[in-house]
């Protein structure tokens, strides 16, 4: 005669399964997060390596931000961003994502700022522009391709890659965010560019590549550590990793790794609107200067 399990025995088995689940689920979650971090580093490195290929064909010039601020890919007068300029060297939309960013493809395709692809005959081109515009790979444009403004005229600049003093130290691309809601939750994907944390050198000079006295400049409002719910609390940078503490960083020499948010501001006194000064140039990673 077969013996059935008693209620107590069943409860013991259930308790053991629950204990094992409580132990293993965090391990699985950590393994999944580690895999996504590795994928993000790989994606950023692939993007990073496309720029030297572009520069080799353009006399060592980093892509120019040819914004006309229309966010419209009308073939007669298309807007452009660096990610779009180097896309032919990659031809892979997937590498523009950080897997820890929960934004969907549609979140990137349809945005409150750019043209709706469904409303134009050049839908394919507009979809690509919108997607790349919300890339998680936010470029350090202040050091490499600042967009100046002279009156009502946009004046794009672009650094010669050989002018970068320490490529292995210069942050070129970094995890970014498109926007945040009223509760501070990020949404929409990433952003094509980010602001540096300190706009001024130790001697008080303005640390913006190509800056000319009397000109204004296009920016995102800088870093704002006293506004924790602002989308640009970190100047557009966003820590997608390790519980909102770490970012993936791609350097100008082609290597990529994760760093803490505090780590990427080393050598800088971060205050509202990035109006602080560089305190230690040897540690500061956002300037093309040594």
C-alpha atoms as a PDB file:
ATOM      1  CA  UNK A   1       0.000   0.000   0.000  1.00  0.00           C
ATOM      2  CA  UNK A   2       1.338   3.423  -0.997  1.00  0.00           C
ATOM      3  CA  UNK A   3       1.865   5.942   1.738  1.00  0.00           C
ATOM      4  CA  UNK A   4       0.703   9.537   1.121  1.00  0.00           C
ATOM      5  CA  UNK A   5       2.608  12.591   2.270  1.00  0.00           C
ATOM      6  CA  UNK A   6       1.389  14.133   5.489  1.00  0.00           C
ATOM      7  CA  UNK A   7       0.485  17.805   5.628  1.00  0.00           C
ATOM      8  CA  UNK A   8       3.552  18.532   7.739  1.00  0.00           C
ATOM      9  CA  UNK A   9       5.834  16.829   5.219  1.00  0.00           C
ATOM     10  CA  UNK A  10       4.328  18.868   2.380  1.00  0.00           C
ATOM     11  CA  UNK A  11       4.788  22.078   4.338  1.00  0.00           C
ATOM     12  CA  UNK A  12       8.426  21.181   4.997  1.00  0.00           C
ATOM     13  CA  UNK A  13       9.034  20.601   1.264  1.00  0.00           C
ATOM     14  CA  UNK A  14       7.307  23.875   0.380  1.00  0.00           C
ATOM     15  CA  UNK A  15       9.394  25.689   2.993  1.00  0.00           C
ATOM     16  CA  UNK A  16      12.616  24.218   1.587  1.00  0.00           C
ATOM     17  CA  UNK A  17      11.640  25.264  -1.967  1.00  0.00           C
ATOM     18  CA  UNK A  18      10.832  28.771  -0.715  1.00  0.00           C
ATOM     19  CA  UNK A  19      14.211  29.033   1.032  1.00  0.00           C
ATOM     20  CA  UNK A  20      16.053  27.844  -2.085  1.00  0.00           C
ATOM     21  CA  UNK A  21      14.104  30.322  -4.228  1.00  0.00           C
ATOM     22  CA  UNK A  22      14.944  33.161  -1.839  1.00  0.00           C
ATOM     23  CA  UNK A  23      18.622  32.242  -2.130  1.00  0.00           C
ATOM     24  CA  UNK A  24      18.730  31.641  -5.884  1.00  0.00           C
ATOM     25  CA  UNK A  25      16.513  34.429  -7.266  1.00  0.00           C
ATOM     26  CA  UNK A  26      18.922  37.228  -6.214  1.00  0.00           C
ATOM     27  CA  UNK A  27      21.770  35.215  -7.727  1.00  0.00           C
ATOM     28  CA  UNK A  28      19.866  34.913 -10.999  1.00  0.00           C
ATOM     29  CA  UNK A  29      19.069  38.641 -10.918  1.00  0.00           C
ATOM     30  CA  UNK A  30      22.719  39.493 -10.335  1.00  0.00           C
ATOM     31  CA  UNK A  31      23.784  37.210 -13.177  1.00  0.00           C
ATOM     32  CA  UNK A  32      21.236  38.849 -15.490  1.00  0.00           C
ATOM     33  CA  UNK A  33      22.425  42.335 -14.520  1.00  0.00           C
ATOM     34  CA  UNK A  34      26.052  41.307 -15.060  1.00  0.00           C
ATOM     35  CA  UNK A  35      25.191  39.983 -18.521  1.00  0.00           C
ATOM     36  CA  UNK A  36      23.445  43.233 -19.409  1.00  0.00           C
ATOM     37  CA  UNK A  37      26.430  45.227 -18.158  1.00  0.00           C
ATOM     38  CA  UNK A  38      28.784  43.167 -20.321  1.00  0.00           C
ATOM     39  CA  UNK A  39      26.479  43.702 -23.328  1.00  0.00           C
ATOM     40  CA  UNK A  40      26.355  47.447 -22.681  1.00  0.00           C
ATOM     41  CA  UNK A  41      30.154  47.666 -22.519  1.00  0.00           C
ATOM     42  CA  UNK A  42      30.376  45.728 -25.780  1.00  0.00           C
ATOM     43  CA  UNK A  43      27.791  47.995 -27.447  1.00  0.00           C
ATOM     44  CA  UNK A  44      29.578  51.153 -26.341  1.00  0.00           C
ATOM     45  CA  UNK A  45      32.949  49.847 -27.461  1.00  0.00           C
ATOM     46  CA  UNK A  46      31.559  49.031 -30.916  1.00  0.00           C
ATOM     47  CA  UNK A  47      30.164  52.543 -31.225  1.00  0.00           C
ATOM     48  CA  UNK A  48      33.384  54.051 -29.941  1.00  0.00           C
ATOM     49  CA  UNK A  49      35.468  52.214 -32.528  1.00  0.00           C
ATOM     50  CA  UNK A  50      33.318  53.476 -35.411  1.00  0.00           C
ATOM     51  CA  UNK A  51      34.458  57.062 -34.857  1.00  0.00           C
ATOM     52  CA  UNK A  52      38.125  56.463 -35.777  1.00  0.00           C
ATOM     53  CA  UNK A  53      36.941  54.830 -39.008  1.00  0.00           C
ATOM     54  CA  UNK A  54      34.872  57.922 -39.782  1.00  0.00           C
ATOM     55  CA  UNK A  55      37.781  60.185 -38.831  1.00  0.00           C
ATOM     56  CA  UNK A  56      40.165  58.309 -41.112  1.00  0.00           C
ATOM     57  CA  UNK A  57      37.910  59.272 -44.013  1.00  0.00           C
ATOM     58  CA  UNK A  58      37.482  62.867 -42.822  1.00  0.00           C
ATOM     59  CA  UNK A  59      41.072  64.059 -42.227  1.00  0.00           C
ATOM     60  CA  UNK A  60      40.979  63.077 -38.541  1.00  0.00           C
ATOM     61  CA  UNK A  61      37.970  65.313 -37.876  1.00  0.00           C
ATOM     62  CA  UNK A  62      35.403  64.238 -35.286  1.00  0.00           C
ATOM     63  CA  UNK A  63      31.826  64.420 -36.672  1.00  0.00           C
ATOM     64  CA  UNK A  64      30.359  67.914 -36.695  1.00  0.00           C
ATOM     65  CA  UNK A  65      26.967  68.442 -35.094  1.00  0.00           C
ATOM     66  CA  UNK A  66      25.105  69.888 -38.060  1.00  0.00           C
ATOM     67  CA  UNK A  67      21.925  70.564 -36.132  1.00  0.00           C
ATOM     68  CA  UNK A  68      19.386  72.822 -37.731  1.00  0.00           C
ATOM     69  CA  UNK A  69      17.140  72.075 -34.733  1.00  0.00           C
ATOM     70  CA  UNK A  70      14.277  70.872 -36.927  1.00  0.00           C
ATOM     71  CA  UNK A  71      14.706  67.205 -35.892  1.00  0.00           C
ATOM     72  CA  UNK A  72      13.406  66.535 -39.391  1.00  0.00           C
ATOM     73  CA  UNK A  73      15.013  64.218 -41.943  1.00  0.00           C
ATOM     74  CA  UNK A  74      13.431  65.927 -44.938  1.00  0.00           C
ATOM     75  CA  UNK A  75      15.877  65.082 -47.765  1.00  0.00           C
ATOM     76  CA  UNK A  76      15.810  68.712 -48.931  1.00  0.00           C
ATOM     77  CA  UNK A  77      17.297  69.954 -45.649  1.00  0.00           C
ATOM     78  CA  UNK A  78      17.912  67.073 -43.237  1.00  0.00           C
ATOM     79  CA  UNK A  79      18.923  67.554 -39.639  1.00  0.00           C
ATOM     80  CA  UNK A  80      21.853  65.479 -38.419  1.00  0.00           C
ATOM     81  CA  UNK A  81      23.637  64.219 -35.320  1.00  0.00           C
ATOM     82  CA  UNK A  82      27.043  62.522 -34.866  1.00  0.00           C
ATOM     83  CA  UNK A  83      25.451  59.094 -34.402  1.00  0.00           C
ATOM     84  CA  UNK A  84      23.817  59.452 -37.802  1.00  0.00           C
ATOM     85  CA  UNK A  85      27.114  60.506 -39.415  1.00  0.00           C
ATOM     86  CA  UNK A  86      28.940  57.383 -38.232  1.00  0.00           C
ATOM     87  CA  UNK A  87      26.022  54.976 -38.674  1.00  0.00           C
ATOM     88  CA  UNK A  88      27.262  53.741 -42.095  1.00  0.00           C
ATOM     89  CA  UNK A  89      30.352  52.412 -40.295  1.00  0.00           C
ATOM     90  CA  UNK A  90      28.201  50.333 -37.920  1.00  0.00           C
ATOM     91  CA  UNK A  91      24.766  49.688 -39.523  1.00  0.00           C
ATOM     92  CA  UNK A  92      23.452  48.156 -36.319  1.00  0.00           C
ATOM     93  CA  UNK A  93      20.781  49.982 -34.336  1.00  0.00           C
ATOM     94  CA  UNK A  94      21.012  47.525 -31.460  1.00  0.00           C
ATOM     95  CA  UNK A  95      24.414  48.732 -30.303  1.00  0.00           C
ATOM     96  CA  UNK A  96      22.957  52.155 -29.523  1.00  0.00           C
ATOM     97  CA  UNK A  97      21.107  50.703 -26.542  1.00  0.00           C
ATOM     98  CA  UNK A  98      22.169  49.998 -23.008  1.00  0.00           C
ATOM     99  CA  UNK A  99      20.212  46.806 -22.160  1.00  0.00           C
ATOM    100  CA  UNK A 100      19.533  48.163 -18.669  1.00  0.00           C
ATOM    101  CA  UNK A 101      17.522  51.015 -20.179  1.00  0.00           C
ATOM    102  CA  UNK A 102      13.907  49.717 -20.291  1.00  0.00           C
ATOM    103  CA  UNK A 103      12.895  51.994 -23.187  1.00  0.00           C
ATOM    104  CA  UNK A 104      11.336  50.141 -26.113  1.00  0.00           C
ATOM    105  CA  UNK A 105      12.074  50.743 -29.777  1.00  0.00           C
ATOM    106  CA  UNK A 106       8.804  52.660 -30.062  1.00  0.00           C
ATOM    107  CA  UNK A 107       9.852  54.883 -27.139  1.00  0.00           C
ATOM    108  CA  UNK A 108      12.841  55.895 -29.253  1.00  0.00           C
ATOM    109  CA  UNK A 109      11.036  56.102 -32.596  1.00  0.00           C
ATOM    110  CA  UNK A 110       8.251  58.346 -31.323  1.00  0.00           C
ATOM    111  CA  UNK A 111       9.265  61.329 -29.235  1.00  0.00           C
ATOM    112  CA  UNK A 112       7.671  64.566 -28.130  1.00  0.00           C
ATOM    113  CA  UNK A 113      10.420  66.548 -29.883  1.00  0.00           C
ATOM    114  CA  UNK A 114      11.273  64.965 -33.234  1.00  0.00           C
ATOM    115  CA  UNK A 115       9.036  64.609 -36.282  1.00  0.00           C
ATOM    116  CA  UNK A 116       6.501  61.766 -36.215  1.00  0.00           C
ATOM    117  CA  UNK A 117       7.731  59.234 -38.820  1.00  0.00           C
ATOM    118  CA  UNK A 118       4.152  58.270 -39.673  1.00  0.00           C
ATOM    119  CA  UNK A 119       3.440  61.773 -40.964  1.00  0.00           C
ATOM    120  CA  UNK A 120       6.204  62.055 -43.574  1.00  0.00           C
ATOM    121  CA  UNK A 121       6.995  60.240 -46.859  1.00  0.00           C
ATOM    122  CA  UNK A 122      10.610  59.649 -45.745  1.00  0.00           C
ATOM    123  CA  UNK A 123       9.534  57.457 -42.833  1.00  0.00           C
ATOM    124  CA  UNK A 124      12.567  55.138 -42.914  1.00  0.00           C
ATOM    125  CA  UNK A 125      15.047  58.000 -42.606  1.00  0.00           C
ATOM    126  CA  UNK A 126      13.013  59.678 -39.863  1.00  0.00           C
ATOM    127  CA  UNK A 127      12.736  56.460 -37.859  1.00  0.00           C
ATOM    128  CA  UNK A 128      16.514  56.059 -37.944  1.00  0.00           C
ATOM    129  CA  UNK A 129      17.145  59.666 -36.930  1.00  0.00           C
ATOM    130  CA  UNK A 130      14.706  59.456 -34.011  1.00  0.00           C
ATOM    131  CA  UNK A 131      16.193  56.176 -32.821  1.00  0.00           C
ATOM    132  CA  UNK A 132      19.792  57.393 -32.909  1.00  0.00           C
ATOM    133  CA  UNK A 133      18.847  60.743 -31.400  1.00  0.00           C
ATOM    134  CA  UNK A 134      17.750  58.831 -28.315  1.00  0.00           C
ATOM    135  CA  UNK A 135      20.852  56.649 -28.185  1.00  0.00           C
ATOM    136  CA  UNK A 136      22.067  55.720 -24.716  1.00  0.00           C
ATOM    137  CA  UNK A 137      25.563  56.611 -25.985  1.00  0.00           C
ATOM    138  CA  UNK A 138      25.606  60.301 -25.007  1.00  0.00           C
ATOM    139  CA  UNK A 139      28.589  62.107 -26.519  1.00  0.00           C
ATOM    140  CA  UNK A 140      30.757  64.483 -24.502  1.00  0.00           C
ATOM    141  CA  UNK A 141      30.126  67.223 -27.014  1.00  0.00           C
ATOM    142  CA  UNK A 142      31.572  70.056 -24.900  1.00  0.00           C
ATOM    143  CA  UNK A 143      35.068  68.652 -25.425  1.00  0.00           C
ATOM    144  CA  UNK A 144      34.804  67.404 -28.996  1.00  0.00           C
ATOM    145  CA  UNK A 145      32.045  69.047 -31.034  1.00  0.00           C
ATOM    146  CA  UNK A 146      30.560  72.032 -29.193  1.00  0.00           C
ATOM    147  CA  UNK A 147      27.676  73.814 -30.910  1.00  0.00           C
ATOM    148  CA  UNK A 148      28.120  77.582 -30.608  1.00  0.00           C
ATOM    149  CA  UNK A 149      25.533  80.270 -31.280  1.00  0.00           C
ATOM    150  CA  UNK A 150      26.355  83.672 -32.796  1.00  0.00           C
ATOM    151  CA  UNK A 151      23.177  85.704 -32.584  1.00  0.00           C
ATOM    152  CA  UNK A 152      20.666  83.471 -34.342  1.00  0.00           C
ATOM    153  CA  UNK A 153      23.300  81.535 -36.290  1.00  0.00           C
ATOM    154  CA  UNK A 154      24.439  78.080 -35.202  1.00  0.00           C
ATOM    155  CA  UNK A 155      28.219  77.641 -35.404  1.00  0.00           C
ATOM    156  CA  UNK A 156      29.258  73.967 -35.209  1.00  0.00           C
ATOM    157  CA  UNK A 157      32.788  73.052 -34.164  1.00  0.00           C
ATOM    158  CA  UNK A 158      34.701  69.803 -34.425  1.00  0.00           C
ATOM    159  CA  UNK A 159      37.997  68.808 -32.861  1.00  0.00           C
ATOM    160  CA  UNK A 160      40.793  67.136 -34.801  1.00  0.00           C
ATOM    161  CA  UNK A 161      41.209  63.771 -33.083  1.00  0.00           C
ATOM    162  CA  UNK A 162      44.997  64.175 -32.962  1.00  0.00           C
ATOM    163  CA  UNK A 163      44.495  67.317 -30.842  1.00  0.00           C
ATOM    164  CA  UNK A 164      43.115  65.240 -27.960  1.00  0.00           C
ATOM    165  CA  UNK A 165      45.968  65.216 -25.451  1.00  0.00           C
ATOM    166  CA  UNK A 166      45.091  61.998 -23.600  1.00  0.00           C
ATOM    167  CA  UNK A 167      42.608  59.812 -25.536  1.00  0.00           C
ATOM    168  CA  UNK A 168      42.757  57.076 -22.877  1.00  0.00           C
ATOM    169  CA  UNK A 169      41.569  59.596 -20.264  1.00  0.00           C
ATOM    170  CA  UNK A 170      38.963  61.549 -22.244  1.00  0.00           C
ATOM    171  CA  UNK A 171      35.347  60.452 -21.823  1.00  0.00           C
ATOM    172  CA  UNK A 172      33.899  60.349 -25.328  1.00  0.00           C
ATOM    173  CA  UNK A 173      30.546  58.620 -24.773  1.00  0.00           C
ATOM    174  CA  UNK A 174      28.624  57.779 -21.615  1.00  0.00           C
ATOM    175  CA  UNK A 175      25.266  56.363 -20.486  1.00  0.00           C
ATOM    176  CA  UNK A 176      22.531  58.960 -20.915  1.00  0.00           C
ATOM    177  CA  UNK A 177      18.808  59.581 -20.364  1.00  0.00           C
ATOM    178  CA  UNK A 178      16.144  61.241 -22.471  1.00  0.00           C
ATOM    179  CA  UNK A 179      13.870  62.557 -19.732  1.00  0.00           C
ATOM    180  CA  UNK A 180      12.304  61.818 -16.334  1.00  0.00           C
ATOM    181  CA  UNK A 181       8.736  62.065 -15.087  1.00  0.00           C
ATOM    182  CA  UNK A 182       7.567  64.025 -12.064  1.00  0.00           C
ATOM    183  CA  UNK A 183       8.582  61.207  -9.718  1.00  0.00           C
ATOM    184  CA  UNK A 184      12.054  61.054 -11.219  1.00  0.00           C
ATOM    185  CA  UNK A 185      11.564  57.872 -13.245  1.00  0.00           C
ATOM    186  CA  UNK A 186      13.575  57.898 -16.498  1.00  0.00           C
ATOM    187  CA  UNK A 187      11.761  57.357 -19.785  1.00  0.00           C
ATOM    188  CA  UNK A 188      12.161  57.665 -23.531  1.00  0.00           C
ATOM    189  CA  UNK A 189      15.622  56.170 -23.974  1.00  0.00           C
ATOM    190  CA  UNK A 190      18.913  58.056 -23.954  1.00  0.00           C
ATOM    191  CA  UNK A 191      20.220  61.311 -25.419  1.00  0.00           C
ATOM    192  CA  UNK A 192      22.693  61.924 -28.226  1.00  0.00           C
ATOM    193  CA  UNK A 193      24.880  64.226 -26.104  1.00  0.00           C
ATOM    194  CA  UNK A 194      25.551  65.181 -22.471  1.00  0.00           C
ATOM    195  CA  UNK A 195      27.075  68.128 -20.622  1.00  0.00           C
ATOM    196  CA  UNK A 196      30.366  67.962 -18.773  1.00  0.00           C
ATOM    197  CA  UNK A 197      30.284  68.479 -14.969  1.00  0.00           C
ATOM    198  CA  UNK A 198      32.610  71.532 -14.828  1.00  0.00           C
ATOM    199  CA  UNK A 199      32.722  74.272 -17.453  1.00  0.00           C
ATOM    200  CA  UNK A 200      35.713  76.144 -16.036  1.00  0.00           C
ATOM    201  CA  UNK A 201      39.409  75.335 -15.815  1.00  0.00           C
ATOM    202  CA  UNK A 202      41.466  75.991 -12.685  1.00  0.00           C
ATOM    203  CA  UNK A 203      42.502  79.379 -14.052  1.00  0.00           C
ATOM    204  CA  UNK A 204      38.897  80.358 -14.784  1.00  0.00           C
ATOM    205  CA  UNK A 205      39.012  79.923 -18.559  1.00  0.00           C
ATOM    206  CA  UNK A 206      35.920  78.475 -20.194  1.00  0.00           C
ATOM    207  CA  UNK A 207      36.435  74.770 -20.869  1.00  0.00           C
ATOM    208  CA  UNK A 208      34.442  74.356 -24.095  1.00  0.00           C
ATOM    209  CA  UNK A 209      36.095  73.238 -27.308  1.00  0.00           C
ATOM    210  CA  UNK A 210      36.163  75.948 -29.989  1.00  0.00           C
ATOM    211  CA  UNK A 211      34.560  78.566 -27.756  1.00  0.00           C
ATOM    212  CA  UNK A 212      34.777  82.144 -29.006  1.00  0.00           C
ATOM    213  CA  UNK A 213      34.293  85.205 -26.800  1.00  0.00           C
ATOM    214  CA  UNK A 214      30.865  86.760 -27.248  1.00  0.00           C
ATOM    215  CA  UNK A 215      29.283  83.577 -28.561  1.00  0.00           C
ATOM    216  CA  UNK A 216      26.621  81.625 -26.758  1.00  0.00           C
ATOM    217  CA  UNK A 217      26.507  77.838 -26.814  1.00  0.00           C
ATOM    218  CA  UNK A 218      23.942  75.089 -27.061  1.00  0.00           C
ATOM    219  CA  UNK A 219      23.712  72.985 -23.894  1.00  0.00           C
ATOM    220  CA  UNK A 220      21.369  70.981 -21.665  1.00  0.00           C
ATOM    221  CA  UNK A 221      21.656  73.067 -18.525  1.00  0.00           C
ATOM    222  CA  UNK A 222      24.729  71.338 -17.094  1.00  0.00           C
ATOM    223  CA  UNK A 223      24.866  69.131 -13.996  1.00  0.00           C
ATOM    224  CA  UNK A 224      22.436  70.056 -11.230  1.00  0.00           C
ATOM    225  CA  UNK A 225      23.190  68.069  -8.057  1.00  0.00           C
ATOM    226  CA  UNK A 226      20.729  70.140  -6.004  1.00  0.00           C
ATOM    227  CA  UNK A 227      17.812  69.078  -8.221  1.00  0.00           C
ATOM    228  CA  UNK A 228      17.628  65.310  -7.625  1.00  0.00           C
ATOM    229  CA  UNK A 229      14.438  64.810  -9.683  1.00  0.00           C
ATOM    230  CA  UNK A 230      15.633  66.838 -12.686  1.00  0.00           C
ATOM    231  CA  UNK A 231      16.367  64.954 -15.915  1.00  0.00           C
ATOM    232  CA  UNK A 232      19.755  66.720 -16.001  1.00  0.00           C
ATOM    233  CA  UNK A 233      20.742  66.154 -12.378  1.00  0.00           C
ATOM    234  CA  UNK A 234      23.871  64.592 -13.941  1.00  0.00           C
ATOM    235  CA  UNK A 235      23.926  66.762 -17.056  1.00  0.00           C
ATOM    236  CA  UNK A 236      22.061  64.141 -19.083  1.00  0.00           C
ATOM    237  CA  UNK A 237      24.260  61.266 -17.861  1.00  0.00           C
ATOM    238  CA  UNK A 238      22.287  58.421 -16.300  1.00  0.00           C
ATOM    239  CA  UNK A 239      23.451  55.529 -14.047  1.00  0.00           C
ATOM    240  CA  UNK A 240      21.579  52.554 -15.454  1.00  0.00           C
ATOM    241  CA  UNK A 241      23.735  50.031 -13.587  1.00  0.00           C
ATOM    242  CA  UNK A 242      24.256  48.659 -10.058  1.00  0.00           C
ATOM    243  CA  UNK A 243      21.104  50.105  -8.574  1.00  0.00           C
ATOM    244  CA  UNK A 244      21.447  53.532 -10.147  1.00  0.00           C
ATOM    245  CA  UNK A 245      25.059  54.099  -9.155  1.00  0.00           C
ATOM    246  CA  UNK A 246      27.187  53.144 -12.169  1.00  0.00           C
ATOM    247  CA  UNK A 247      27.430  54.193 -15.812  1.00  0.00           C
ATOM    248  CA  UNK A 248      29.099  52.672 -18.860  1.00  0.00           C
ATOM    249  CA  UNK A 249      31.834  54.960 -20.178  1.00  0.00           C
ATOM    250  CA  UNK A 250      33.585  54.852 -23.566  1.00  0.00           C
ATOM    251  CA  UNK A 251      36.912  56.654 -23.857  1.00  0.00           C
ATOM    252  CA  UNK A 252      38.442  58.360 -26.884  1.00  0.00           C
ATOM    253  CA  UNK A 253      41.040  55.605 -27.324  1.00  0.00           C
ATOM    254  CA  UNK A 254      38.347  52.955 -27.842  1.00  0.00           C
ATOM    255  CA  UNK A 255      38.163  51.211 -24.465  1.00  0.00           C
ATOM    256  CA  UNK A 256      35.006  51.086 -22.344  1.00  0.00           C
ATOM    257  CA  UNK A 257      34.162  50.205 -18.746  1.00  0.00           C
ATOM    258  CA  UNK A 258      31.719  50.921 -15.916  1.00  0.00           C
ATOM    259  CA  UNK A 259      32.354  53.693 -13.414  1.00  0.00           C
ATOM    260  CA  UNK A 260      30.452  55.252 -10.536  1.00  0.00           C
ATOM    261  CA  UNK A 261      28.805  58.626 -11.100  1.00  0.00           C
ATOM    262  CA  UNK A 262      31.105  60.151  -8.505  1.00  0.00           C
ATOM    263  CA  UNK A 263      34.052  58.562 -10.277  1.00  0.00           C
ATOM    264  CA  UNK A 264      33.366  60.317 -13.577  1.00  0.00           C
ATOM    265  CA  UNK A 265      33.382  63.696 -11.819  1.00  0.00           C
ATOM    266  CA  UNK A 266      36.857  63.218 -10.332  1.00  0.00           C
ATOM    267  CA  UNK A 267      38.947  66.388 -10.310  1.00  0.00           C
ATOM    268  CA  UNK A 268      35.911  68.651 -10.510  1.00  0.00           C
ATOM    269  CA  UNK A 269      33.859  70.773  -8.112  1.00  0.00           C
ATOM    270  CA  UNK A 270      30.332  69.984  -9.319  1.00  0.00           C
ATOM    271  CA  UNK A 271      27.812  72.761  -8.657  1.00  0.00           C
ATOM    272  CA  UNK A 272      24.561  73.928 -10.261  1.00  0.00           C
ATOM    273  CA  UNK A 273      24.608  74.310 -14.055  1.00  0.00           C
ATOM    274  CA  UNK A 274      28.174  72.932 -14.219  1.00  0.00           C
ATOM    275  CA  UNK A 275      29.519  76.298 -13.127  1.00  0.00           C
ATOM    276  CA  UNK A 276      32.222  74.725 -10.981  1.00  0.00           C
ATOM    277  CA  UNK A 277      35.958  74.649 -11.675  1.00  0.00           C
ATOM    278  CA  UNK A 278      38.324  71.812 -12.447  1.00  0.00           C
ATOM    279  CA  UNK A 279      40.279  71.217  -9.246  1.00  0.00           C
ATOM    280  CA  UNK A 280      42.698  68.564 -10.524  1.00  0.00           C
ATOM    281  CA  UNK A 281      43.322  68.480 -14.311  1.00  0.00           C
ATOM    282  CA  UNK A 282      45.181  65.167 -14.081  1.00  0.00           C
ATOM    283  CA  UNK A 283      41.989  63.506 -12.760  1.00  0.00           C
ATOM    284  CA  UNK A 284      39.392  65.372 -14.820  1.00  0.00           C
ATOM    285  CA  UNK A 285      38.183  63.171 -17.691  1.00  0.00           C
ATOM    286  CA  UNK A 286      36.015  65.546 -19.708  1.00  0.00           C
ATOM    287  CA  UNK A 287      38.578  67.874 -21.283  1.00  0.00           C
ATOM    288  CA  UNK A 288      40.522  67.396 -24.524  1.00  0.00           C
ATOM    289  CA  UNK A 289      43.423  69.136 -22.801  1.00  0.00           C
ATOM    290  CA  UNK A 290      46.021  67.153 -20.833  1.00  0.00           C
END
